[in-house]
N, C-alpha and C. Protein backbone atom coordinates (compact mmCIF):
# COMPACT_ATOMS: atom_id res chain seq x y z
N UNK A 1 -4.09 0.95 92.28
CA UNK A 1 -5.17 0.92 93.23
C UNK A 1 -5.91 -0.41 93.13
N UNK A 2 -6.12 -1.04 94.26
CA UNK A 2 -6.75 -2.35 94.30
C UNK A 2 -8.27 -2.20 94.44
N UNK A 3 -9.01 -2.93 93.63
CA UNK A 3 -10.48 -2.88 93.70
C UNK A 3 -10.98 -3.99 94.61
N UNK A 4 -12.02 -3.67 95.37
CA UNK A 4 -12.63 -4.67 96.24
C UNK A 4 -13.57 -5.57 95.45
N UNK A 5 -13.60 -6.82 95.87
CA UNK A 5 -14.57 -7.73 95.26
C UNK A 5 -15.94 -7.42 95.84
N UNK A 6 -17.00 -7.94 95.24
CA UNK A 6 -18.36 -7.72 95.73
C UNK A 6 -18.51 -8.22 97.17
N UNK A 7 -17.93 -9.38 97.46
CA UNK A 7 -18.02 -9.95 98.81
C UNK A 7 -17.35 -9.03 99.83
N UNK A 8 -16.18 -8.47 99.48
CA UNK A 8 -15.49 -7.56 100.39
C UNK A 8 -16.30 -6.28 100.59
N UNK A 9 -16.93 -5.78 99.54
CA UNK A 9 -17.75 -4.57 99.65
C UNK A 9 -18.94 -4.80 100.57
N UNK A 10 -19.61 -5.94 100.42
CA UNK A 10 -20.77 -6.24 101.27
C UNK A 10 -20.36 -6.38 102.73
N UNK A 11 -19.15 -6.89 102.95
CA UNK A 11 -18.67 -7.10 104.30
C UNK A 11 -18.55 -5.78 105.06
N UNK A 12 -18.25 -4.70 104.36
CA UNK A 12 -18.03 -3.41 104.98
C UNK A 12 -19.28 -2.54 105.01
N UNK A 13 -20.40 -3.03 104.55
CA UNK A 13 -21.62 -2.23 104.50
C UNK A 13 -22.41 -2.27 105.80
N UNK A 14 -22.05 -3.08 106.76
CA UNK A 14 -22.80 -3.16 108.01
C UNK A 14 -23.84 -4.25 107.96
N UNK A 15 -24.72 -4.30 108.95
CA UNK A 15 -25.71 -5.38 109.00
C UNK A 15 -26.69 -5.30 107.82
N UNK A 16 -27.08 -6.46 107.36
CA UNK A 16 -28.03 -6.55 106.26
C UNK A 16 -29.44 -6.24 106.78
N UNK A 17 -30.18 -5.49 106.01
CA UNK A 17 -31.54 -5.12 106.42
C UNK A 17 -32.53 -6.17 105.92
N UNK A 18 -33.24 -6.80 106.87
CA UNK A 18 -34.24 -7.81 106.54
C UNK A 18 -35.62 -7.23 106.80
N UNK A 19 -36.50 -7.38 105.83
CA UNK A 19 -37.85 -6.82 105.91
C UNK A 19 -38.87 -7.93 106.12
N UNK A 20 -39.85 -7.70 107.00
CA UNK A 20 -40.96 -8.64 107.20
C UNK A 20 -42.26 -7.85 107.23
N UNK A 21 -43.38 -8.48 106.84
CA UNK A 21 -44.67 -7.78 106.89
C UNK A 21 -45.07 -7.49 108.34
N UNK A 22 -45.69 -6.33 108.55
CA UNK A 22 -46.17 -5.96 109.88
C UNK A 22 -47.46 -6.73 110.16
N UNK A 23 -47.48 -7.44 111.28
CA UNK A 23 -48.64 -8.25 111.66
C UNK A 23 -49.88 -7.36 111.77
N UNK A 24 -50.94 -7.78 111.09
CA UNK A 24 -52.18 -7.00 111.08
C UNK A 24 -52.23 -5.97 109.97
N UNK A 25 -51.08 -5.73 109.33
CA UNK A 25 -50.96 -4.75 108.25
C UNK A 25 -50.14 -5.36 107.11
N UNK A 26 -50.29 -6.69 106.89
CA UNK A 26 -49.41 -7.45 106.01
C UNK A 26 -49.27 -6.88 104.60
N UNK A 27 -50.30 -6.40 104.02
CA UNK A 27 -50.21 -5.90 102.65
C UNK A 27 -50.01 -4.38 102.60
N UNK A 28 -49.83 -3.79 103.76
CA UNK A 28 -49.71 -2.33 103.82
C UNK A 28 -48.32 -1.85 104.23
N UNK A 29 -47.68 -2.55 105.18
CA UNK A 29 -46.39 -2.08 105.72
C UNK A 29 -45.44 -3.25 105.95
N UNK A 30 -44.14 -2.92 105.92
CA UNK A 30 -43.10 -3.86 106.31
C UNK A 30 -42.18 -3.16 107.32
N UNK A 31 -41.59 -3.96 108.20
CA UNK A 31 -40.65 -3.44 109.19
C UNK A 31 -39.34 -4.20 109.05
N UNK A 32 -38.24 -3.52 109.33
CA UNK A 32 -36.93 -4.16 109.17
C UNK A 32 -36.26 -4.37 110.53
N UNK A 33 -35.25 -5.24 110.53
CA UNK A 33 -34.48 -5.51 111.73
C UNK A 33 -33.65 -4.30 112.16
N UNK A 34 -33.55 -3.28 111.30
CA UNK A 34 -32.82 -2.05 111.64
C UNK A 34 -33.75 -0.97 112.17
N UNK A 35 -35.04 -1.31 112.31
CA UNK A 35 -35.99 -0.36 112.88
C UNK A 35 -36.64 0.58 111.89
N UNK A 36 -36.56 0.26 110.61
CA UNK A 36 -37.21 1.08 109.58
C UNK A 36 -38.56 0.50 109.21
N UNK A 37 -39.48 1.37 108.81
CA UNK A 37 -40.79 0.93 108.32
C UNK A 37 -40.98 1.49 106.92
N UNK A 38 -41.60 0.71 106.06
CA UNK A 38 -41.92 1.22 104.72
C UNK A 38 -43.34 0.85 104.35
N UNK A 39 -43.92 1.73 103.56
CA UNK A 39 -45.29 1.55 103.07
C UNK A 39 -45.26 0.71 101.80
N UNK A 40 -46.19 -0.22 101.67
CA UNK A 40 -46.24 -1.08 100.48
C UNK A 40 -47.27 -0.61 99.46
N UNK A 41 -48.16 0.27 99.90
CA UNK A 41 -49.20 0.78 99.00
C UNK A 41 -49.10 2.30 98.94
N UNK A 42 -49.62 2.87 97.87
CA UNK A 42 -49.64 4.33 97.76
C UNK A 42 -50.76 4.90 98.61
N UNK A 43 -50.52 6.11 99.10
CA UNK A 43 -51.48 6.84 99.91
C UNK A 43 -51.33 8.31 99.57
N UNK A 44 -52.26 9.13 99.96
CA UNK A 44 -52.15 10.56 99.67
C UNK A 44 -50.79 11.08 100.11
N UNK A 45 -50.07 11.67 99.19
CA UNK A 45 -48.80 12.30 99.52
C UNK A 45 -47.61 11.37 99.62
N UNK A 46 -47.79 10.06 99.46
CA UNK A 46 -46.63 9.16 99.52
C UNK A 46 -46.82 7.99 98.57
N UNK A 47 -45.70 7.50 98.09
CA UNK A 47 -45.71 6.39 97.15
C UNK A 47 -45.37 5.09 97.86
N UNK A 48 -45.73 4.00 97.24
CA UNK A 48 -45.35 2.69 97.77
C UNK A 48 -43.84 2.59 97.83
N UNK A 49 -43.33 1.95 98.90
CA UNK A 49 -41.90 1.77 99.06
C UNK A 49 -41.21 2.87 99.85
N UNK A 50 -41.93 3.96 100.14
CA UNK A 50 -41.29 5.04 100.90
C UNK A 50 -41.23 4.68 102.39
N UNK A 51 -40.17 5.15 103.03
CA UNK A 51 -40.03 4.93 104.46
C UNK A 51 -41.03 5.80 105.21
N UNK A 52 -41.60 5.24 106.25
CA UNK A 52 -42.57 5.95 107.06
C UNK A 52 -41.82 6.89 107.99
N UNK A 53 -42.32 8.11 108.14
CA UNK A 53 -41.69 9.09 109.03
C UNK A 53 -42.14 8.84 110.47
N UNK A 54 -41.23 9.16 111.39
CA UNK A 54 -41.48 8.91 112.80
C UNK A 54 -41.73 10.22 113.54
N UNK A 55 -42.42 10.10 114.65
CA UNK A 55 -42.58 11.21 115.59
C UNK A 55 -41.99 10.75 116.91
N UNK A 56 -41.56 11.71 117.73
CA UNK A 56 -40.98 11.38 119.02
C UNK A 56 -41.99 11.60 120.13
N UNK A 57 -41.98 10.70 121.09
CA UNK A 57 -42.81 10.84 122.28
C UNK A 57 -41.95 10.40 123.46
N UNK A 58 -41.55 11.35 124.29
CA UNK A 58 -40.67 11.08 125.44
C UNK A 58 -39.39 10.39 125.00
N UNK A 59 -38.89 10.77 123.83
CA UNK A 59 -37.65 10.21 123.33
C UNK A 59 -37.81 8.95 122.50
N UNK A 60 -38.99 8.33 122.54
CA UNK A 60 -39.23 7.10 121.78
C UNK A 60 -39.87 7.43 120.44
N UNK A 61 -39.49 6.67 119.42
CA UNK A 61 -40.05 6.88 118.09
C UNK A 61 -41.40 6.19 117.99
N UNK A 62 -42.36 6.92 117.44
CA UNK A 62 -43.72 6.41 117.25
C UNK A 62 -44.09 6.56 115.78
N UNK A 63 -44.99 5.71 115.34
CA UNK A 63 -45.39 5.77 113.94
C UNK A 63 -46.88 5.45 113.85
N UNK A 64 -47.63 6.23 113.03
CA UNK A 64 -49.03 5.88 112.80
C UNK A 64 -49.12 4.92 111.60
N UNK A 65 -49.77 3.78 111.80
CA UNK A 65 -50.01 2.87 110.69
C UNK A 65 -51.48 2.99 110.32
N UNK A 66 -51.72 3.19 109.02
CA UNK A 66 -53.08 3.42 108.53
C UNK A 66 -53.68 2.13 107.98
N UNK A 67 -54.95 1.93 108.33
CA UNK A 67 -55.69 0.78 107.82
C UNK A 67 -57.16 1.16 107.82
N UNK A 68 -57.83 0.91 106.73
CA UNK A 68 -59.26 1.23 106.58
C UNK A 68 -59.54 2.70 106.88
N UNK A 69 -58.63 3.57 106.47
CA UNK A 69 -58.82 5.01 106.64
C UNK A 69 -58.58 5.54 108.04
N UNK A 70 -58.09 4.70 108.93
CA UNK A 70 -57.85 5.13 110.31
C UNK A 70 -56.41 4.84 110.73
N UNK A 71 -55.81 5.78 111.46
CA UNK A 71 -54.45 5.53 111.95
C UNK A 71 -54.45 4.86 113.32
N UNK A 72 -53.44 4.04 113.57
CA UNK A 72 -53.21 3.49 114.90
C UNK A 72 -51.74 3.73 115.21
N UNK A 73 -51.49 4.30 116.39
CA UNK A 73 -50.16 4.71 116.79
C UNK A 73 -49.41 3.55 117.45
N UNK A 74 -48.15 3.33 117.04
CA UNK A 74 -47.32 2.27 117.60
C UNK A 74 -45.95 2.82 117.96
N UNK A 75 -45.35 2.27 119.01
CA UNK A 75 -43.96 2.57 119.32
C UNK A 75 -43.10 1.63 118.48
N UNK A 76 -42.12 2.20 117.81
CA UNK A 76 -41.28 1.44 116.88
C UNK A 76 -40.54 0.32 117.60
N UNK A 77 -40.03 0.58 118.82
CA UNK A 77 -39.28 -0.46 119.53
C UNK A 77 -40.14 -1.69 119.79
N UNK A 78 -41.43 -1.50 120.10
CA UNK A 78 -42.33 -2.63 120.33
C UNK A 78 -42.58 -3.40 119.03
N UNK A 79 -42.75 -2.67 117.93
CA UNK A 79 -42.97 -3.34 116.64
C UNK A 79 -41.77 -4.19 116.26
N UNK A 80 -40.56 -3.64 116.41
CA UNK A 80 -39.35 -4.39 116.05
C UNK A 80 -39.23 -5.62 116.94
N UNK A 81 -39.42 -5.43 118.24
CA UNK A 81 -39.30 -6.55 119.18
C UNK A 81 -40.35 -7.63 118.85
N UNK A 82 -41.55 -7.22 118.56
CA UNK A 82 -42.63 -8.15 118.24
C UNK A 82 -42.31 -8.99 117.01
N UNK A 83 -41.66 -8.40 116.03
CA UNK A 83 -41.40 -9.09 114.77
C UNK A 83 -40.07 -9.83 114.71
N UNK A 84 -39.12 -9.50 115.58
CA UNK A 84 -37.79 -10.12 115.48
C UNK A 84 -37.34 -10.85 116.74
N UNK A 85 -38.18 -10.87 117.79
CA UNK A 85 -37.82 -11.59 119.02
C UNK A 85 -38.99 -12.41 119.52
N UNK A 86 -38.70 -13.62 119.91
CA UNK A 86 -39.73 -14.46 120.54
C UNK A 86 -39.99 -13.95 121.94
N UNK A 87 -41.19 -14.16 122.41
CA UNK A 87 -41.53 -13.79 123.78
C UNK A 87 -40.87 -14.80 124.71
N UNK A 88 -40.01 -14.34 125.64
CA UNK A 88 -39.35 -15.28 126.54
C UNK A 88 -40.32 -15.96 127.49
N UNK A 89 -40.02 -17.18 127.85
CA UNK A 89 -40.92 -17.96 128.70
C UNK A 89 -40.92 -17.47 130.15
N UNK A 90 -39.89 -16.71 130.57
CA UNK A 90 -39.82 -16.26 131.96
C UNK A 90 -40.72 -15.06 132.24
N UNK A 91 -41.29 -14.45 131.19
CA UNK A 91 -42.14 -13.28 131.40
C UNK A 91 -43.56 -13.69 131.77
N UNK A 92 -44.24 -12.87 132.53
CA UNK A 92 -45.61 -13.20 132.93
C UNK A 92 -46.53 -13.27 131.70
N UNK A 93 -47.48 -14.19 131.70
CA UNK A 93 -48.37 -14.32 130.54
C UNK A 93 -49.39 -13.21 130.43
N UNK A 94 -49.40 -12.27 131.38
CA UNK A 94 -50.40 -11.21 131.40
C UNK A 94 -50.25 -10.23 130.25
N UNK A 95 -49.12 -10.24 129.55
CA UNK A 95 -48.91 -9.32 128.45
C UNK A 95 -48.31 -8.00 128.87
N UNK A 96 -47.81 -7.91 130.08
CA UNK A 96 -47.23 -6.66 130.57
C UNK A 96 -45.71 -6.64 130.39
N UNK A 97 -45.25 -6.99 129.22
CA UNK A 97 -43.84 -6.97 128.94
C UNK A 97 -43.51 -5.69 128.18
N UNK A 98 -42.25 -5.30 128.22
CA UNK A 98 -41.81 -4.07 127.57
C UNK A 98 -40.64 -4.36 126.65
N UNK A 99 -40.53 -3.57 125.58
CA UNK A 99 -39.40 -3.66 124.67
C UNK A 99 -38.29 -2.78 125.23
N UNK A 100 -37.24 -3.38 125.74
CA UNK A 100 -36.15 -2.66 126.42
C UNK A 100 -34.97 -2.46 125.47
N UNK A 101 -34.25 -1.36 125.67
CA UNK A 101 -33.06 -1.03 124.87
C UNK A 101 -31.80 -1.42 125.64
N UNK A 102 -30.98 -2.27 125.05
CA UNK A 102 -29.74 -2.72 125.71
C UNK A 102 -28.77 -1.57 125.97
N UNK A 103 -28.69 -0.62 125.02
CA UNK A 103 -27.71 0.47 125.15
C UNK A 103 -28.31 1.73 125.77
N UNK A 104 -29.60 1.71 126.11
CA UNK A 104 -30.22 2.86 126.76
C UNK A 104 -30.60 3.99 125.83
N UNK A 105 -30.40 3.83 124.53
CA UNK A 105 -30.75 4.88 123.57
C UNK A 105 -32.14 4.60 123.00
N UNK A 106 -33.09 5.43 123.37
CA UNK A 106 -34.49 5.20 123.02
C UNK A 106 -34.76 5.23 121.52
N UNK A 107 -33.88 5.84 120.74
CA UNK A 107 -34.12 5.92 119.30
C UNK A 107 -33.34 4.86 118.52
N UNK A 108 -32.59 4.01 119.21
CA UNK A 108 -31.86 2.92 118.55
C UNK A 108 -32.73 1.68 118.56
N UNK A 109 -33.50 1.50 117.49
CA UNK A 109 -34.49 0.43 117.43
C UNK A 109 -34.06 -0.74 116.57
N UNK A 110 -32.76 -0.98 116.51
CA UNK A 110 -32.27 -2.17 115.81
C UNK A 110 -32.64 -3.40 116.64
N UNK A 111 -33.00 -4.49 115.97
CA UNK A 111 -33.41 -5.71 116.67
C UNK A 111 -32.32 -6.20 117.62
N UNK A 112 -31.07 -6.06 117.23
CA UNK A 112 -29.97 -6.53 118.09
C UNK A 112 -29.84 -5.71 119.37
N UNK A 113 -30.45 -4.53 119.42
CA UNK A 113 -30.38 -3.67 120.60
C UNK A 113 -31.60 -3.82 121.50
N UNK A 114 -32.59 -4.58 121.08
CA UNK A 114 -33.83 -4.69 121.84
C UNK A 114 -34.01 -6.07 122.45
N UNK A 115 -34.74 -6.12 123.55
CA UNK A 115 -35.10 -7.40 124.16
C UNK A 115 -36.40 -7.21 124.94
N UNK A 116 -37.14 -8.30 125.13
CA UNK A 116 -38.35 -8.27 125.93
C UNK A 116 -37.98 -8.34 127.41
N UNK A 117 -38.61 -7.53 128.22
CA UNK A 117 -38.37 -7.55 129.66
C UNK A 117 -39.59 -7.05 130.41
N UNK A 118 -39.51 -7.13 131.71
CA UNK A 118 -40.59 -6.62 132.56
C UNK A 118 -40.35 -5.12 132.80
N UNK A 119 -41.31 -4.47 133.43
CA UNK A 119 -41.14 -3.06 133.77
C UNK A 119 -39.95 -2.89 134.71
N UNK A 120 -39.78 -3.83 135.62
CA UNK A 120 -38.64 -3.80 136.56
C UNK A 120 -37.32 -3.87 135.79
N UNK A 121 -37.24 -4.74 134.79
CA UNK A 121 -36.03 -4.84 133.95
C UNK A 121 -35.74 -3.49 133.29
N UNK A 122 -36.79 -2.87 132.77
CA UNK A 122 -36.65 -1.60 132.08
C UNK A 122 -36.17 -0.50 133.03
N UNK A 123 -36.70 -0.48 134.25
CA UNK A 123 -36.30 0.53 135.24
C UNK A 123 -34.85 0.31 135.69
N UNK A 124 -34.44 -0.95 135.80
CA UNK A 124 -33.03 -1.25 136.12
C UNK A 124 -32.11 -0.73 135.02
N UNK A 125 -32.55 -0.90 133.77
CA UNK A 125 -31.78 -0.37 132.65
C UNK A 125 -31.66 1.15 132.74
N UNK A 126 -32.73 1.82 133.10
CA UNK A 126 -32.70 3.29 133.23
C UNK A 126 -31.66 3.71 134.25
N UNK A 127 -31.62 3.04 135.37
CA UNK A 127 -30.64 3.35 136.41
C UNK A 127 -29.23 3.06 135.90
N UNK A 128 -29.05 1.90 135.27
CA UNK A 128 -27.74 1.49 134.76
C UNK A 128 -27.20 2.46 133.71
N UNK A 129 -28.10 3.02 132.89
CA UNK A 129 -27.67 3.94 131.83
C UNK A 129 -27.70 5.40 132.26
N UNK A 130 -28.04 5.64 133.53
CA UNK A 130 -28.04 7.01 134.04
C UNK A 130 -29.20 7.85 133.57
N UNK A 131 -30.31 7.22 133.20
CA UNK A 131 -31.48 7.96 132.72
C UNK A 131 -32.58 8.05 133.77
N UNK A 132 -32.30 7.56 134.97
CA UNK A 132 -33.29 7.61 136.04
C UNK A 132 -33.31 9.01 136.66
N UNK A 133 -34.47 9.63 136.74
CA UNK A 133 -34.53 11.00 137.29
C UNK A 133 -34.35 11.00 138.80
N UNK A 134 -33.12 11.16 139.26
CA UNK A 134 -32.82 11.19 140.68
C UNK A 134 -32.44 12.60 141.09
N UNK A 135 -32.71 12.90 142.35
CA UNK A 135 -32.25 14.15 142.93
C UNK A 135 -32.70 15.37 142.17
N UNK A 136 -31.77 16.25 141.85
CA UNK A 136 -32.08 17.50 141.17
C UNK A 136 -32.70 17.29 139.80
N UNK A 137 -32.43 16.14 139.17
CA UNK A 137 -32.96 15.87 137.84
C UNK A 137 -34.44 15.48 137.87
N UNK A 138 -34.97 15.18 139.04
CA UNK A 138 -36.38 14.83 139.15
C UNK A 138 -37.22 16.10 139.05
N UNK A 139 -38.23 16.07 138.25
CA UNK A 139 -39.03 17.26 137.98
C UNK A 139 -39.80 17.83 139.16
N UNK A 140 -40.07 17.05 140.18
CA UNK A 140 -40.88 17.51 141.30
C UNK A 140 -40.08 17.82 142.56
N UNK A 141 -38.76 17.78 142.49
CA UNK A 141 -37.96 17.98 143.69
C UNK A 141 -37.97 19.43 144.15
N UNK A 142 -37.91 19.62 145.46
CA UNK A 142 -37.81 20.96 146.05
C UNK A 142 -36.39 21.24 146.52
N UNK A 143 -35.59 20.22 146.59
CA UNK A 143 -34.26 20.34 147.16
C UNK A 143 -33.18 20.20 146.10
N UNK A 144 -32.01 20.74 146.42
CA UNK A 144 -30.83 20.56 145.58
C UNK A 144 -29.88 19.62 146.30
N UNK A 145 -28.86 19.17 145.62
CA UNK A 145 -27.86 18.30 146.24
C UNK A 145 -27.22 19.00 147.44
N UNK A 146 -26.92 20.29 147.29
CA UNK A 146 -26.29 21.04 148.38
C UNK A 146 -27.23 21.17 149.57
N UNK A 147 -28.51 21.36 149.33
CA UNK A 147 -29.48 21.44 150.42
C UNK A 147 -29.54 20.13 151.21
N UNK A 148 -29.48 19.02 150.51
CA UNK A 148 -29.49 17.70 151.16
C UNK A 148 -28.26 17.54 152.04
N UNK A 149 -27.11 17.96 151.51
CA UNK A 149 -25.89 17.90 152.33
C UNK A 149 -26.03 18.77 153.58
N UNK A 150 -26.65 19.95 153.41
CA UNK A 150 -26.87 20.85 154.56
C UNK A 150 -27.81 20.23 155.58
N UNK A 151 -28.86 19.58 155.13
CA UNK A 151 -29.80 18.91 156.04
C UNK A 151 -29.05 17.87 156.87
N UNK A 152 -28.22 17.09 156.24
CA UNK A 152 -27.47 16.06 156.96
C UNK A 152 -26.47 16.66 157.95
N UNK A 153 -25.81 17.76 157.53
CA UNK A 153 -24.86 18.42 158.45
C UNK A 153 -25.59 19.00 159.66
N UNK A 154 -26.74 19.65 159.42
CA UNK A 154 -27.50 20.24 160.52
C UNK A 154 -27.96 19.16 161.51
N UNK A 155 -28.44 18.05 160.99
CA UNK A 155 -28.91 16.98 161.87
C UNK A 155 -27.75 16.38 162.66
N UNK A 156 -26.60 16.26 162.02
CA UNK A 156 -25.40 15.75 162.71
C UNK A 156 -24.96 16.70 163.83
N UNK A 157 -25.22 18.00 163.65
CA UNK A 157 -24.80 18.99 164.66
C UNK A 157 -25.83 19.15 165.78
N UNK A 158 -26.94 18.38 165.74
CA UNK A 158 -27.89 18.39 166.84
C UNK A 158 -29.16 19.18 166.62
N UNK A 159 -29.34 19.80 165.46
CA UNK A 159 -30.57 20.53 165.18
C UNK A 159 -31.69 19.51 164.98
N UNK A 160 -32.88 19.79 165.53
CA UNK A 160 -33.98 18.83 165.43
C UNK A 160 -34.49 18.73 163.99
N UNK A 161 -35.03 17.57 163.68
CA UNK A 161 -35.56 17.35 162.34
C UNK A 161 -36.73 18.29 162.05
N UNK A 162 -37.52 18.58 163.05
CA UNK A 162 -38.66 19.48 162.87
C UNK A 162 -38.18 20.88 162.48
N UNK A 163 -37.13 21.36 163.14
CA UNK A 163 -36.58 22.68 162.83
C UNK A 163 -36.00 22.70 161.41
N UNK A 164 -35.28 21.65 161.08
CA UNK A 164 -34.70 21.54 159.73
C UNK A 164 -35.81 21.53 158.68
N UNK A 165 -36.87 20.77 158.96
CA UNK A 165 -38.00 20.68 158.03
C UNK A 165 -38.60 22.06 157.78
N UNK A 166 -38.78 22.85 158.85
CA UNK A 166 -39.32 24.20 158.70
C UNK A 166 -38.40 25.10 157.90
N UNK A 167 -37.12 24.96 158.11
CA UNK A 167 -36.13 25.79 157.42
C UNK A 167 -36.12 25.50 155.92
N UNK A 168 -36.27 24.23 155.54
CA UNK A 168 -36.20 23.85 154.12
C UNK A 168 -37.58 23.65 153.48
N UNK A 169 -38.64 23.88 154.27
CA UNK A 169 -40.03 23.77 153.78
C UNK A 169 -40.35 22.39 153.20
N UNK A 170 -39.94 21.37 153.97
CA UNK A 170 -40.28 19.99 153.65
C UNK A 170 -40.83 19.36 154.92
N UNK A 171 -41.39 18.18 154.81
CA UNK A 171 -41.95 17.52 155.99
C UNK A 171 -40.85 16.94 156.88
N UNK A 172 -41.18 16.76 158.14
CA UNK A 172 -40.23 16.16 159.08
C UNK A 172 -39.90 14.74 158.64
N UNK A 173 -40.89 14.02 158.10
CA UNK A 173 -40.62 12.65 157.66
C UNK A 173 -39.64 12.64 156.48
N UNK A 174 -39.70 13.65 155.62
CA UNK A 174 -38.73 13.74 154.52
C UNK A 174 -37.32 13.95 155.06
N UNK A 175 -37.19 14.82 156.07
CA UNK A 175 -35.89 15.06 156.69
C UNK A 175 -35.37 13.75 157.29
N UNK A 176 -36.26 13.03 157.99
CA UNK A 176 -35.86 11.76 158.59
C UNK A 176 -35.36 10.78 157.53
N UNK A 177 -36.08 10.68 156.42
CA UNK A 177 -35.69 9.75 155.36
C UNK A 177 -34.41 10.18 154.66
N UNK A 178 -34.15 11.50 154.61
CA UNK A 178 -32.90 11.99 154.02
C UNK A 178 -31.72 11.67 154.92
N UNK A 179 -31.84 11.96 156.22
CA UNK A 179 -30.70 11.73 157.12
C UNK A 179 -30.45 10.24 157.36
N UNK A 180 -31.50 9.42 157.25
CA UNK A 180 -31.30 7.97 157.40
C UNK A 180 -30.95 7.31 156.06
N UNK A 181 -30.76 8.12 155.04
CA UNK A 181 -30.34 7.69 153.70
C UNK A 181 -31.33 6.75 153.03
N UNK A 182 -32.61 6.97 153.29
CA UNK A 182 -33.66 6.27 152.56
C UNK A 182 -34.03 7.07 151.30
N UNK A 183 -33.83 8.39 151.36
CA UNK A 183 -34.01 9.28 150.21
C UNK A 183 -32.67 9.91 149.88
N UNK A 184 -32.51 10.30 148.65
CA UNK A 184 -31.28 10.93 148.18
C UNK A 184 -30.08 10.04 148.51
N UNK A 185 -30.20 8.78 148.21
CA UNK A 185 -29.16 7.80 148.54
C UNK A 185 -27.90 7.99 147.70
N UNK A 186 -28.03 8.65 146.57
CA UNK A 186 -26.89 8.84 145.67
C UNK A 186 -25.95 9.95 146.15
N UNK A 187 -26.33 10.67 147.22
CA UNK A 187 -25.48 11.74 147.76
C UNK A 187 -24.93 11.32 149.09
């Protein structure tokens, strides 16, 4: 049996984890390029060096960082992006940039998977990754995909939009936008 050298073993371990102090919490916490956070000081119930536990909010990982006896809640993807990526010059200086996920997985907070973008960039990513709530997946919809197909068939057969609207309990303008393919464009 052949033994691996140390260099060969390190090669197969995956990306190296680099730790940097969290801005504003330099002596309290560190964050890594792999999206992990660790505490540098002891606190009630936890020792220095322990990884901070995360909570989920709409699929995104959040973490409370404590300072002066008070917690402040942060999204992990923003913290990683802030510490491992420069702010691109093409973004507006207003500060309305978002930490976007290249692979569409909200819990994958590795620096290599994140980038700074605008809200529009983030929404394009949602559509590209199939996470955009369209049609039946939208929480406020009254119609199903089959109902939309029926609306279009009825309008094609000469039934008035007003009659169709009454039948499906939607507005006439909604029927118009459905048949003209301004709404429900994916069907």
